[in-house]
Structure formats: C-alpha cells, structure tokens
C-alpha cells in the first residue's frame, strides 16, 4: 500500500475504515493502493457488456435482472430500443412492444471471462490492473512516457478494447474510484490533477454512483441529488444518512484515504472463443478464425513472458457434439505462426461431422519466466528440432515418433530404451555411453555367421581389428550372456561388430558401423 501524503490538505478528519475483502475471482494477497497525487488511473468501462457476451441473433435482444416473477429489462440492443424498450421495463411490457424480443438472463461467468480476456490486452499498457464488474482499472502514471502522454495512451487502450468488439467509455482521475464513477456516468474529460477532483466529481448525480436504493432515497428527501451537495453536508450527519461504507467510497474517490484494490493476475490457463459469421467445414476458413484467437493468446503470452505448452481446440456444431483436438508442444512457444502451422495440420487431417459454428481455444501456459524465443529472432536449434518432431508426430501419429535414451545395462540389446517424448534439450539425465566403440546400426537379434578356418564370414572373410571386449551379464533375469566382441572389417571395407559366444560357441553379427 502506498503511503498517504502528509502534505495533502484534508477538508475534515476522516477515520480510515478496514479494507473490504477481495471480491470473488481475484487473487488475494497482492493489492493496489491508489493515493491522490501519486497515481493516475484510467478506467475502461463497458456499458454494454451483458449484451456483448451473448451470441448474436437476428431478433432484438434484452438482458433481464431481478427475480423470475419480477424481472425487468437491464440492457437492450439498438433494435429493441428503437421499438420503445428501455431499462427498468417489465418483461410483459417489453414483449408487448416487441413480440419477438429475445430475453436473456444475465451471465456473470461470461462477463467475467470477457473482462479477463480484455485484462490480458490491458497488461500491454501497465502491469498494475484491477477489475470491476463492468470495467478495467489501469494505473498508468509510470506508462505515460512509453506511449507519448495521456491522450496517446488513452486512445491506444480504447482502440485495443474496441478491436475486441466492445463499446467502451474511458475516464481518467488520480483515484481509481473517481475514474470509475466518471466513466460510468460518461464524463470523458480527463482529470489529471488532485486539486481538480472535487470540482470534477461535484456535478455527478448521486443516482449513478451505485449506492443502495435506501441511501439514495434518504438523500432525495434532503433535496440532495448531486455529489457536490453531499460534500457540503456536515460529516457526522452525512455518515448517519449514507452509512460508513458509502462514506468510505466518497473519501476514496476524493483521495482522502487510501483505496485498496486486489491486483488481477493472469493464471496458467487461458480460454477464449469466437463465433463464426457463418458455419463452415473448410479448413482454411477455420484456420483464419483460429488465427484471431491465437493472436489474442500471443498478447497474453508476451505480457507474461512465457509460452503455451498445450492447445485444446473445441469445434462447436449445431446438432453434433463438439469436435475436440489436443495439440501438445514439446517446448513452450509464443510464436503465433508456429502455433497456427501446427493447428493447420490438425485441421486438415480432421474429418468434421458437421459445419463448425464456433471455435473454443484453451491453452496451458508455462510458468512465468520460461525461456521462449523473442518475436523476430527465429528459432534456435532446439526449437527447430522440436518443431520438426511435432510435425512428424502429426503426420505419422503420436506413437510413431519417439526418443531413445541410454539405459544402465552392459548387454547391447538392453542398453537403450524408448522414451515417449524425444529429448531435444541439452543436459538430459541419461546414463553415459560406454567408452568402447558401438555401431549406429544395431540388429534387433544377433545373426549367426558362417565360419571358415575359425574366422567369421560376412560378405567375405572378416579381419578382426579390435577386441576382444568381454560382456558377461544378465544372470539375474535368466537371459545371461557371455560374449567376446570384436570390431571386424571385410575386403570391401565394411566394418562390423561381431562377437563369439563363449558358452555355446559360434560367431554372430550384432551391428554395423557407418
């Protein structure tokens, strides 16, 4: 929490109240403290968020609030508004005006998911971010030099939110609550100086502050309709009429007491979805829509300085179960081109049961600080190998491509093992290979060789160049061996790895050198 400035003039003494607990869905522990004169807050408020998270339809739409038997209209789209539907209207009256009106209950889960998706975009402007039910609060004082000042940063942030299909109201103030109130009430003029806070807030209607209906009714009885009129009332009398909670909010908005808000932190799981303008089975069309989701994912990955470890695709159909695709990555990646290439291979090899109406993309995100290639620098050697292996697995099958690792065993046929994921990183914890020469091509089973005058034959007489190397092992598992291995060469120059069985006798070919 930032300290309160001792030079800040207070019109009256205020006793700070305990901070309210974090709201649901936020990360506890860390918090943002807004103090007048030390910070500048940008509020991006989404007035149509309840409607925007609903699937678009041809009929006019409205969002309801209240109980089932006393539901009233909370929001409506332009088509319904042109027919006379307005907030606060009962459902019967709205249906009488628009018989085909599509009524929806509010979806807080979708609204929260949309806000968190926008929060990943907002992280590109500042790491200090808090969420309200319908707004993003960005502390931007330290970011102003990077974006060329107040006007440029505000324009860039608004454009980024509008690009995601949302209407937005923006307001700036030295305190978070003041910025939130100004944005909700449509006051777009920025307030950058603490001395101007009281004047900017004085004209706000009390009815738009979100205070309880009982508080608003009590103030109306006194003839108080504007916030400036509240400030002229004696503090003790005002506290009795509006309560300590509303008085605390008023002090926070004016910068008289610190305001504590939970910091929003992105997690290790990301989810987003996109409705298609028309249902399609074409892989090219699906990939174009998927690139939009991947670009959004990349914004979050770069803000977190991390990469995706796995992608889950859900292709929704109208009357069929969703088609699920899982794309595992050998190395975390934040490159949208690489992710799109892998997804394109999956889509081209998938037979869809019906046209796709929407795409859901989920991603697992590596821990913050995981090394990933910076945009524009290309892949290093490990990433190129990982990309090649991922493509081979897509083409040939998950189990057709595997890795090899050394095993602590002297018998050559047991000295290696198959690993499910190829090892492409340096410093793998495998057993060291023997110091003796070993062939690259090892036969699955040793092949018996003919013998002439006591010497083995393989495409001619073999000359023993190096050896013997005695390998005697396996008595504990019933497959014990006792062999003398040699490196041999024939007249054509082919080098072979052969052994003489010391138990049963005879010569065998076990491998070939390159």
Protein backbone atom coordinates (compact mmCIF):
# COMPACT_ATOMS: atom_id res chain seq x y z
CA UNK A 1 0.00 0.00 0.00
CA UNK A 2 1.34 3.42 -0.96
CA UNK A 3 1.76 5.86 1.95
CA UNK A 4 -0.64 8.76 2.41
CA UNK A 5 0.95 12.11 1.60
CA UNK A 6 1.23 14.24 4.72
CA UNK A 7 1.07 17.38 2.54
CA UNK A 8 -2.41 16.59 1.25
CA UNK A 9 -4.95 19.06 2.71
CA UNK A 10 -7.98 17.33 4.22
CA UNK A 11 -11.21 19.35 4.49
CA UNK A 12 -12.19 17.26 7.51
CA UNK A 13 -10.70 14.48 9.57
CA UNK A 14 -11.51 11.03 8.25
CA UNK A 15 -11.08 7.78 10.12
CA UNK A 16 -9.91 5.09 7.69
CA UNK A 17 -12.11 2.02 7.69
CA UNK A 18 -10.83 -1.55 7.29
CA UNK A 19 -10.26 -2.52 3.67
CA UNK A 20 -13.01 -4.62 2.16
CA UNK A 21 -12.13 -8.24 1.34
CA UNK A 22 -11.20 -9.09 -2.27
CA UNK A 23 -14.15 -9.86 -4.49
CA UNK A 24 -14.68 -13.33 -5.93
CA UNK A 25 -12.41 -14.28 -8.79
CA UNK A 26 -9.49 -12.07 -7.78
CA UNK A 27 -6.14 -13.04 -6.40
CA UNK A 28 -5.76 -12.34 -2.71
CA UNK A 29 -2.59 -11.15 -1.10
CA UNK A 30 -1.38 -8.51 -3.53
CA UNK A 31 -3.24 -5.23 -3.74
CA UNK A 32 -3.09 -1.88 -5.48
CA UNK A 33 -3.23 1.22 -3.33
CA UNK A 34 -4.37 4.43 -5.01
CA UNK A 35 -3.42 7.65 -3.24
CA UNK A 36 -4.18 11.09 -4.57
CA UNK A 37 -1.22 12.89 -6.07
CA UNK A 38 0.89 9.79 -6.68
CA UNK A 39 -1.03 7.86 -9.31
CA UNK A 40 -3.17 8.26 -12.40
CA UNK A 41 -5.93 5.79 -13.16
CA UNK A 42 -7.53 5.01 -16.50
CA UNK A 43 -10.95 3.35 -16.30
CA UNK A 44 -12.24 1.44 -19.33
CA UNK A 45 -15.92 0.85 -18.61
CA UNK A 46 -18.03 -1.48 -20.76
CA UNK A 47 -21.65 -0.25 -20.63
CA UNK A 48 -23.00 -2.98 -22.95
CA UNK A 49 -21.00 -5.91 -21.57
CA UNK A 50 -24.05 -8.03 -20.53
CA UNK A 51 -25.33 -7.88 -24.12
CA UNK A 52 -21.96 -8.23 -25.81
CA UNK A 53 -21.21 -11.60 -24.21
CA UNK A 54 -24.41 -13.11 -25.67
CA UNK A 55 -24.40 -14.87 -29.02
CA UNK A 56 -25.62 -12.52 -31.77
CA UNK A 57 -29.06 -13.19 -33.19
CA UNK A 58 -31.45 -11.81 -35.76
CA UNK A 59 -34.18 -10.84 -33.26
CA UNK A 60 -33.88 -7.82 -30.92
CA UNK A 61 -32.32 -8.78 -27.58
CA UNK A 62 -32.62 -7.71 -23.98
CA UNK A 63 -30.94 -8.70 -20.71
CA UNK A 64 -33.11 -9.25 -17.64
CA UNK A 65 -32.41 -8.66 -13.98
CA UNK A 66 -34.39 -9.38 -10.81
CA UNK A 67 -36.38 -12.45 -9.78
CA UNK A 68 -38.18 -14.69 -12.21
CA UNK A 69 -41.61 -13.24 -11.36
CA UNK A 70 -40.43 -9.63 -11.14
CA UNK A 71 -37.80 -9.50 -13.88
CA UNK A 72 -37.16 -6.18 -15.57
CA UNK A 73 -35.01 -5.14 -18.51
CA UNK A 74 -31.43 -4.30 -17.58
CA UNK A 75 -29.99 -3.73 -21.08
CA UNK A 76 -31.35 -3.86 -24.60
CA UNK A 77 -29.83 -3.53 -28.04
CA UNK A 78 -30.49 -0.74 -30.51
CA UNK A 79 -33.20 -2.67 -32.36
CA UNK A 80 -35.20 -3.13 -29.16
CA UNK A 81 -34.59 0.47 -28.07
CA UNK A 82 -35.98 1.78 -31.37
CA UNK A 83 -39.20 -0.09 -30.62
CA UNK A 84 -39.52 1.59 -27.22
CA UNK A 85 -37.90 -0.97 -24.90
CA UNK A 86 -35.85 0.67 -22.14
CA UNK A 87 -34.07 -0.36 -18.93
CA UNK A 88 -36.41 -0.86 -15.98
CA UNK A 89 -39.33 -2.00 -18.15
CA UNK A 90 -41.13 -5.19 -17.15
CA UNK A 91 -40.88 -8.23 -19.37
CA UNK A 92 -44.58 -8.15 -20.22
CA UNK A 93 -44.38 -4.55 -21.36
CA UNK A 94 -41.24 -5.26 -23.40
CA UNK A 95 -42.86 -8.28 -25.09
CA UNK A 96 -45.97 -6.23 -25.81
CA UNK A 97 -43.82 -3.74 -27.72
CA UNK A 98 -41.62 -6.36 -29.41
CA UNK A 99 -43.33 -9.80 -29.53
CA UNK A 100 -40.21 -11.46 -30.93
CA UNK A 101 -37.87 -9.95 -28.33
CA UNK A 102 -35.14 -12.42 -27.25
CA UNK A 103 -34.85 -12.30 -23.46
CA UNK A 104 -31.67 -13.50 -21.72
CA UNK A 105 -30.73 -13.85 -18.11
CA UNK A 106 -27.52 -12.13 -17.18
CA UNK A 107 -24.42 -14.36 -17.45
CA UNK A 108 -21.87 -13.23 -14.82
CA UNK A 109 -19.49 -16.04 -15.76
CA UNK A 110 -19.30 -14.95 -19.37
CA UNK A 111 -18.91 -11.33 -18.35
CA UNK A 112 -16.04 -12.19 -16.04
CA UNK A 113 -14.37 -14.29 -18.75
CA UNK A 114 -14.68 -11.40 -21.22
CA UNK A 115 -13.20 -8.98 -18.69
CA UNK A 116 -10.26 -11.29 -18.02
CA UNK A 117 -9.69 -11.61 -21.76
CA UNK A 118 -9.57 -7.82 -22.03
CA UNK A 119 -7.30 -7.70 -18.99
CA UNK A 120 -4.68 -9.66 -20.92
CA UNK A 121 -4.78 -6.89 -23.53
CA UNK A 122 -4.57 -4.20 -20.85
CA UNK A 123 -1.38 -5.79 -19.50
CA UNK A 124 0.30 -4.35 -22.58
CA UNK A 125 -0.19 -0.88 -21.08
CA UNK A 126 0.52 -1.46 -17.38
CA UNK A 127 1.16 -4.37 -15.01
CA UNK A 128 -0.97 -2.70 -12.32
CA UNK A 129 -4.51 -3.68 -13.11
CA UNK A 130 -7.74 -4.21 -11.16
CA UNK A 131 -11.13 -5.46 -12.31
CA UNK A 132 -14.62 -4.21 -11.51
CA UNK A 133 -17.83 -5.99 -12.52
CA UNK A 134 -18.04 -3.92 -15.71
CA UNK A 135 -14.71 -2.12 -16.01
CA UNK A 136 -10.94 -2.33 -16.12
CA UNK A 137 -8.89 -0.02 -13.89
CA UNK A 138 -5.35 0.67 -15.10
CA UNK A 139 -2.74 2.58 -13.10
CA UNK A 140 -0.86 4.32 -15.92
CA UNK A 141 1.31 7.01 -14.31
CA UNK A 142 4.55 5.11 -14.99
CA UNK A 143 3.47 4.15 -18.52
CA UNK A 144 2.81 7.63 -19.88
CA UNK A 145 6.36 8.26 -21.21
CA UNK A 146 6.26 4.95 -23.12
CA UNK A 147 3.10 5.85 -25.05
CA UNK A 148 3.63 9.55 -25.64
CA UNK A 149 1.42 11.04 -22.96
CA UNK A 150 -2.11 10.88 -21.61
CA UNK A 151 -4.03 11.31 -24.87
CA UNK A 152 -1.98 8.77 -26.83
CA UNK A 153 -2.15 6.08 -24.14
CA UNK A 154 -5.88 6.57 -23.67
CA UNK A 155 -6.52 6.35 -27.43
CA UNK A 156 -4.42 3.18 -27.74
CA UNK A 157 -6.15 1.48 -24.81
CA UNK A 158 -9.63 2.35 -26.09
CA UNK A 159 -8.74 1.12 -29.58
CA UNK A 160 -7.45 -2.18 -28.17
CA UNK A 161 -10.73 -2.81 -26.33
CA UNK A 162 -12.90 -1.73 -29.27
CA UNK A 163 -10.95 -4.11 -31.51
CA UNK A 164 -12.34 -6.95 -29.39
CA UNK A 165 -15.90 -5.88 -30.25
CA UNK A 166 -16.80 -3.91 -27.12
CA UNK A 167 -18.20 -0.45 -26.59
CA UNK A 168 -16.07 1.43 -24.09
CA UNK A 169 -16.23 4.58 -22.00
CA UNK A 170 -12.91 5.94 -20.78
CA UNK A 171 -12.15 8.31 -17.94
CA UNK A 172 -9.01 9.36 -16.06
CA UNK A 173 -8.55 10.50 -12.48
CA UNK A 174 -5.91 10.43 -9.72
CA UNK A 175 -8.02 7.87 -7.81
CA UNK A 176 -9.46 4.60 -9.08
CA UNK A 177 -12.95 5.15 -7.69
CA UNK A 178 -13.20 8.64 -9.16
CA UNK A 179 -12.17 7.28 -12.58
CA UNK A 180 -14.78 4.52 -12.26
CA UNK A 181 -17.57 6.95 -11.35
CA UNK A 182 -16.64 9.36 -14.14
CA UNK A 183 -16.55 6.57 -16.73
CA UNK A 184 -19.89 5.06 -15.69
CA UNK A 185 -21.55 8.46 -15.93
CA UNK A 186 -19.97 9.31 -19.28
CA UNK A 187 -17.63 12.14 -18.20
CA UNK A 188 -14.80 11.72 -20.69
CA UNK A 189 -12.74 14.84 -19.83
CA UNK A 190 -9.53 13.61 -18.14
CA UNK A 191 -8.80 14.75 -14.59
CA UNK A 192 -5.05 14.54 -14.04
CA UNK A 193 -4.55 16.84 -11.04
CA UNK A 194 -5.72 16.01 -7.48
CA UNK A 195 -6.78 19.61 -6.92
CA UNK A 196 -9.44 19.25 -9.64
CA UNK A 197 -11.01 16.07 -8.23
CA UNK A 198 -13.64 17.71 -6.02
CA UNK A 199 -14.80 20.02 -8.82
CA UNK A 200 -14.98 17.19 -11.35
CA UNK A 201 -17.00 14.96 -9.01
CA UNK A 202 -19.31 17.67 -7.71
CA UNK A 203 -21.65 17.52 -10.68
CA UNK A 204 -22.11 13.73 -10.68
CA UNK A 205 -25.66 12.57 -9.91
CA UNK A 206 -25.94 10.51 -6.74
CA UNK A 207 -28.24 8.09 -8.57
CA UNK A 208 -25.38 6.94 -10.81
CA UNK A 209 -22.86 6.06 -8.10
CA UNK A 210 -24.22 2.58 -7.39
CA UNK A 211 -25.16 3.37 -3.81
CA UNK A 212 -28.06 1.39 -2.24
CA UNK A 213 -31.61 2.50 -3.04
CA UNK A 214 -32.24 3.35 0.63
CA UNK A 215 -29.29 5.73 0.68
CA UNK A 216 -30.43 7.44 -2.49
CA UNK A 217 -33.96 7.82 -1.14
CA UNK A 218 -32.65 9.33 2.10
CA UNK A 219 -30.61 11.89 0.16
CA UNK A 220 -33.53 12.76 -2.10
CA UNK A 221 -35.63 13.59 0.96
CA UNK A 222 -32.97 16.15 1.85
CA UNK A 223 -33.04 17.55 -1.67
CA UNK A 224 -29.54 16.18 -2.41
CA UNK A 225 -29.17 14.93 -5.98
CA UNK A 226 -25.55 15.82 -6.79
CA UNK A 227 -22.33 14.69 -5.18
CA UNK A 228 -21.25 18.28 -4.56
CA UNK A 229 -24.32 18.78 -2.38
CA UNK A 230 -23.24 15.80 -0.28
CA UNK A 231 -19.86 17.39 0.31
CA UNK A 232 -21.48 20.48 1.77
CA UNK A 233 -23.35 18.49 4.44
CA UNK A 234 -21.87 18.08 7.93
CA UNK A 235 -19.81 14.93 8.02
CA UNK A 236 -21.49 13.41 11.09
CA UNK A 237 -24.97 13.91 9.68
CA UNK A 238 -23.89 12.60 6.27
CA UNK A 239 -22.42 9.48 7.87
CA UNK A 240 -25.74 8.77 9.62
CA UNK A 241 -27.68 9.03 6.38
CA UNK A 242 -25.40 7.20 3.91
CA UNK A 243 -23.53 4.83 6.22
CA UNK A 244 -19.83 4.21 6.72
CA UNK A 245 -19.43 2.15 3.53
CA UNK A 246 -20.65 4.92 1.22
CA UNK A 247 -18.71 7.50 3.21
CA UNK A 248 -15.57 5.37 2.76
CA UNK A 249 -16.15 5.27 -1.01
CA UNK A 250 -16.56 9.03 -1.08
CA UNK A 251 -13.30 9.53 0.83
CA UNK A 252 -11.53 7.12 -1.54
CA UNK A 253 -12.82 8.94 -4.61
CA UNK A 254 -11.55 12.27 -3.27
CA UNK A 255 -8.17 10.82 -2.27
CA UNK A 256 -8.68 11.48 1.42
CA UNK A 257 -7.93 7.87 2.40
CA UNK A 258 -6.01 5.14 0.56
CA UNK A 259 -8.02 2.87 -1.70
CA UNK A 260 -7.01 -0.78 -1.70
CA UNK A 261 -7.98 -2.98 -4.65
CA UNK A 262 -6.99 -6.59 -5.39
CA UNK A 263 -4.45 -6.94 -8.19
CA UNK A 264 -5.56 -9.01 -11.15
CA UNK A 265 -3.06 -11.73 -12.01
CA UNK A 266 -3.41 -13.98 -15.01
CA UNK A 267 -3.27 -17.70 -14.30
CA UNK A 268 -1.71 -20.67 -16.08
CA UNK A 269 -4.85 -21.44 -18.09
CA UNK A 270 -6.29 -19.38 -20.92
CA UNK A 271 -9.65 -19.75 -22.64
CA UNK A 272 -11.35 -17.78 -25.40
CA UNK A 273 -13.99 -18.45 -28.00
CA UNK A 274 -15.05 -16.97 -31.30
CA UNK A 275 -18.43 -17.20 -33.02
CA UNK A 276 -18.06 -17.67 -36.78
CA UNK A 277 -20.06 -15.39 -39.09
CA UNK A 278 -21.25 -18.49 -40.97
CA UNK A 279 -20.97 -22.21 -40.25
CA UNK A 280 -18.25 -23.88 -42.32
CA UNK A 281 -16.29 -27.10 -42.74
CA UNK A 282 -13.46 -25.54 -44.77
CA UNK A 283 -10.11 -25.92 -43.04
CA UNK A 284 -8.88 -22.61 -44.50
CA UNK A 285 -11.81 -20.68 -43.07
CA UNK A 286 -11.44 -22.34 -39.67
CA UNK A 287 -7.73 -21.57 -39.64
CA UNK A 288 -8.36 -17.89 -40.37
CA UNK A 289 -10.74 -17.70 -37.42
CA UNK A 290 -8.29 -19.61 -35.26
CA UNK A 291 -5.54 -17.11 -36.07
CA UNK A 292 -7.65 -14.40 -34.44
CA UNK A 293 -7.75 -16.44 -31.21
CA UNK A 294 -4.03 -17.21 -31.46
CA UNK A 295 -3.23 -13.51 -31.81
CA UNK A 296 -5.17 -12.86 -28.61
CA UNK A 297 -3.33 -15.69 -26.90
CA UNK A 298 0.01 -14.29 -28.04
CA UNK A 299 -0.76 -10.94 -26.38
CA UNK A 300 -1.18 -12.70 -23.07
CA UNK A 301 1.90 -14.88 -23.53
CA UNK A 302 4.11 -11.90 -24.30
CA UNK A 303 2.75 -9.95 -21.35
CA UNK A 304 3.54 -12.93 -19.14
CA UNK A 305 6.90 -13.54 -20.91
CA UNK A 306 6.01 -17.19 -21.26
CA UNK A 307 4.78 -19.69 -23.83
CA UNK A 308 1.95 -22.14 -24.43
CA UNK A 309 2.57 -25.78 -23.54
CA UNK A 310 -0.64 -27.32 -24.91
CA UNK A 311 -3.58 -26.18 -27.05
CA UNK A 312 -7.11 -27.54 -26.76
CA UNK A 313 -9.45 -26.83 -29.67
CA UNK A 314 -13.21 -27.22 -29.37
CA UNK A 315 -15.12 -27.01 -32.67
CA UNK A 316 -18.80 -26.49 -31.91
CA UNK A 317 -21.54 -27.79 -34.20
CA UNK A 318 -25.27 -27.09 -34.17
CA UNK A 319 -26.64 -30.59 -33.54
CA UNK A 320 -23.49 -32.64 -33.03
CA UNK A 321 -21.13 -32.96 -30.05
CA UNK A 322 -18.18 -30.61 -30.26
CA UNK A 323 -15.07 -31.90 -32.02
CA UNK A 324 -12.11 -31.80 -29.62
CA UNK A 325 -8.48 -31.55 -30.75
CA UNK A 326 -5.44 -31.53 -28.50
CA UNK A 327 -2.08 -30.17 -29.67
CA UNK A 328 0.83 -30.88 -27.35
CA UNK A 329 4.02 -28.84 -27.65
CA UNK A 330 7.46 -30.20 -26.84
CA UNK A 331 8.68 -26.72 -25.93
CA UNK A 332 6.68 -23.68 -24.76
CA UNK A 333 6.02 -21.37 -27.69
CA UNK A 334 4.67 -17.82 -28.03
CA UNK A 335 5.01 -17.68 -31.82
CA UNK A 336 1.54 -17.44 -33.44
CA UNK A 337 2.90 -18.61 -36.81
CA UNK A 338 4.27 -21.83 -35.33
CA UNK A 339 1.06 -22.46 -33.39
CA UNK A 340 -1.03 -21.76 -36.49
CA UNK A 341 1.06 -24.19 -38.58
CA UNK A 342 0.51 -26.99 -36.07
CA UNK A 343 -3.20 -26.23 -35.80
CA UNK A 344 -3.48 -26.19 -39.59
CA UNK A 345 -2.02 -29.69 -39.82
CA UNK A 346 -4.54 -30.92 -37.27
CA UNK A 347 -7.49 -29.25 -39.01
CA UNK A 348 -6.52 -30.56 -42.44
CA UNK A 349 -6.37 -34.13 -41.09
CA UNK A 350 -9.66 -33.94 -39.15
CA UNK A 351 -12.95 -35.11 -40.64
CA UNK A 352 -15.71 -32.92 -39.26
CA UNK A 353 -19.18 -34.42 -38.67
CA UNK A 354 -20.95 -31.10 -39.30
CA UNK A 355 -20.20 -27.45 -40.08
CA UNK A 356 -18.47 -25.51 -37.30
CA UNK A 357 -20.33 -22.57 -35.76
CA UNK A 358 -17.83 -21.52 -33.07
CA UNK A 359 -14.24 -22.23 -32.03
CA UNK A 360 -13.12 -22.51 -28.42
CA UNK A 361 -9.38 -22.27 -27.77
CA UNK A 362 -7.86 -23.25 -24.43
CA UNK A 363 -4.15 -23.13 -23.67
CA UNK A 364 -1.91 -24.23 -20.87
CA UNK A 365 0.69 -21.57 -20.09
CA UNK A 366 4.19 -22.33 -18.84
CA UNK A 367 5.42 -20.82 -15.62
CA UNK A 368 6.40 -17.16 -15.84
CA UNK A 369 9.99 -16.67 -16.90
CA UNK A 370 10.15 -19.82 -19.06
CA UNK A 371 12.62 -19.18 -21.87
CA UNK A 372 10.91 -18.63 -25.23
CA UNK A 373 12.20 -17.09 -28.45
CA UNK A 374 11.56 -13.37 -28.78
CA UNK A 375 9.43 -12.33 -31.78
CA UNK A 376 11.50 -11.79 -34.90
CA UNK A 377 14.57 -13.69 -33.72
CA UNK A 378 13.53 -17.05 -35.16
CA UNK A 379 14.01 -20.49 -33.65
CA UNK A 380 17.16 -21.73 -32.04
CA UNK A 381 18.35 -25.26 -32.77
CA UNK A 382 16.26 -26.84 -30.03
CA UNK A 383 13.08 -25.13 -31.23
CA UNK A 384 13.71 -26.23 -34.83
CA UNK A 385 14.11 -29.83 -33.73
CA UNK A 386 11.01 -29.58 -31.54
CA UNK A 387 9.01 -28.14 -34.44
CA UNK A 388 10.17 -30.94 -36.75
CA UNK A 389 9.21 -33.61 -34.24
CA UNK A 390 5.79 -32.05 -33.67
CA UNK A 391 5.10 -32.12 -37.42
CA UNK A 392 6.28 -35.71 -37.76
CA UNK A 393 4.01 -36.76 -34.93
CA UNK A 394 1.08 -35.02 -36.58
CA UNK A 395 1.79 -36.71 -39.92
CA UNK A 396 2.76 -40.20 -38.72
CA UNK A 397 0.89 -40.49 -35.44
CA UNK A 398 1.61 -39.80 -31.81
CA UNK A 399 3.32 -43.15 -31.14
CA UNK A 400 5.21 -43.40 -34.43
CA UNK A 401 7.86 -40.87 -33.35
CA UNK A 402 9.71 -41.43 -30.12
CA UNK A 403 13.04 -40.80 -28.50
CA UNK A 404 15.90 -43.02 -27.44
CA UNK A 405 17.76 -42.91 -24.17
CA UNK A 406 20.68 -44.88 -22.80
CA UNK A 407 19.99 -47.43 -20.04
CA UNK A 408 22.43 -48.61 -17.33
CA UNK A 409 22.95 -52.06 -18.91
CA UNK A 410 26.02 -53.76 -20.47
CA UNK A 411 24.11 -56.08 -22.81
CA UNK A 412 23.81 -54.08 -26.07
CA UNK A 413 20.23 -55.15 -26.79
CA UNK A 414 19.17 -53.82 -23.36
CA UNK A 415 21.42 -50.72 -23.21
CA UNK A 416 18.81 -48.39 -24.69
CA UNK A 417 15.13 -47.67 -24.17
CA UNK A 418 12.31 -45.90 -25.97
CA UNK A 419 11.13 -42.62 -24.46
CA UNK A 420 7.62 -41.30 -25.17
CA UNK A 421 8.79 -37.72 -25.88
CA UNK A 422 12.03 -37.18 -27.82
CA UNK A 423 14.70 -35.45 -25.78
CA UNK A 424 15.60 -32.17 -27.51
CA UNK A 425 17.08 -30.24 -24.62
CA UNK A 426 20.64 -30.14 -23.50
CA UNK A 427 21.66 -31.63 -20.22
CA UNK A 428 19.41 -34.70 -20.42
CA UNK A 429 19.84 -37.01 -17.46
CA UNK A 430 20.75 -40.16 -19.39
CA UNK A 431 23.43 -42.66 -18.43
CA UNK A 432 26.76 -42.02 -20.19
CA UNK A 433 27.52 -44.21 -23.17
CA UNK A 434 30.33 -46.78 -22.86
CA UNK A 435 33.79 -45.69 -23.84
CA UNK A 436 34.15 -48.64 -26.23
CA UNK A 437 33.05 -48.21 -29.87
CA UNK A 438 29.42 -49.00 -30.60
CA UNK A 439 27.75 -49.25 -34.02
CA UNK A 440 24.97 -46.88 -35.02
CA UNK A 441 23.01 -49.75 -36.62
CA UNK A 442 22.30 -52.46 -34.07
CA UNK A 443 20.42 -55.57 -35.18
CA UNK A 444 17.25 -56.45 -33.29
CA UNK A 445 18.58 -60.00 -32.86
CA UNK A 446 22.20 -61.16 -33.43
CA UNK A 447 22.60 -63.02 -36.76
CA UNK A 448 24.66 -66.24 -36.88
CA UNK A 449 27.71 -66.13 -39.19
CA UNK A 450 29.39 -68.88 -41.15
CA UNK A 451 32.95 -69.75 -40.17
CA UNK A 452 35.91 -70.67 -42.41
CA UNK A 453 39.16 -71.86 -40.83
CA UNK A 454 37.99 -70.47 -37.48
CA UNK A 455 37.33 -66.95 -38.88
CA UNK A 456 33.80 -65.49 -39.31
CA UNK A 457 32.39 -64.66 -42.75
CA UNK A 458 30.23 -61.71 -43.73
CA UNK A 459 30.33 -60.81 -47.42
CA UNK A 460 33.77 -62.32 -47.35
CA UNK A 461 36.33 -63.17 -44.71
CA UNK A 462 36.32 -60.80 -41.72
CA UNK A 463 39.58 -59.47 -40.29
CA UNK A 464 39.42 -58.77 -36.55
CA UNK A 465 40.81 -55.28 -35.95
CA UNK A 466 39.96 -54.57 -32.32
CA UNK A 467 38.97 -56.70 -29.34
CA UNK A 468 38.09 -58.74 -27.57
CA UNK A 469 35.69 -56.86 -25.24
CA UNK A 470 34.15 -59.27 -22.76
CA UNK A 471 30.47 -58.66 -21.89
CA UNK A 472 29.10 -61.03 -19.28
CA UNK A 473 25.82 -60.01 -17.65
CA UNK A 474 22.13 -60.85 -17.14
CA UNK A 475 22.35 -63.70 -14.68
CA UNK A 476 19.59 -62.12 -12.52
CA UNK A 477 16.85 -62.16 -15.19
CA UNK A 478 17.50 -65.52 -16.84
CA UNK A 479 18.98 -64.03 -20.04
CA UNK A 480 22.62 -64.14 -19.06
CA UNK A 481 25.24 -63.80 -21.78
CA UNK A 482 29.00 -64.30 -22.03
CA UNK A 483 30.40 -62.83 -25.23
CA UNK A 484 33.67 -61.58 -26.67
CA UNK A 485 33.02 -58.63 -29.02
CA UNK A 486 35.31 -57.55 -31.89
CA UNK A 487 35.40 -54.78 -34.47
CA UNK A 488 35.96 -56.53 -37.81
CA UNK A 489 36.40 -55.47 -41.43
CA UNK A 490 35.84 -57.36 -44.71
CA UNK A 491 37.61 -56.92 -48.04
CA UNK A 492 35.14 -54.22 -49.19
CA UNK A 493 35.95 -52.08 -46.16
CA UNK A 494 32.66 -52.70 -44.35
CA UNK A 495 33.14 -52.56 -40.58
CA UNK A 496 31.04 -54.89 -38.45
CA UNK A 497 30.54 -55.52 -34.77
CA UNK A 498 30.71 -59.27 -34.15
CA UNK A 499 31.01 -61.50 -31.10
CA UNK A 500 31.89 -65.07 -30.26
CA UNK A 501 29.51 -66.80 -27.88
CA UNK A 502 31.72 -68.17 -25.09
CA UNK A 503 29.02 -70.56 -23.86
CA UNK A 504 27.51 -72.16 -26.98
CA UNK A 505 30.28 -71.29 -29.41
CA UNK A 506 29.80 -69.75 -32.84
CA UNK A 507 30.14 -66.27 -34.29
CA UNK A 508 27.35 -63.66 -34.55
CA UNK A 509 26.85 -60.31 -36.24
CA UNK A 510 25.34 -57.72 -33.85
CA UNK A 511 25.77 -54.39 -35.64
CA UNK A 512 27.26 -52.38 -38.49
CA UNK A 513 29.32 -49.21 -38.30
CA UNK A 514 28.66 -46.33 -40.68
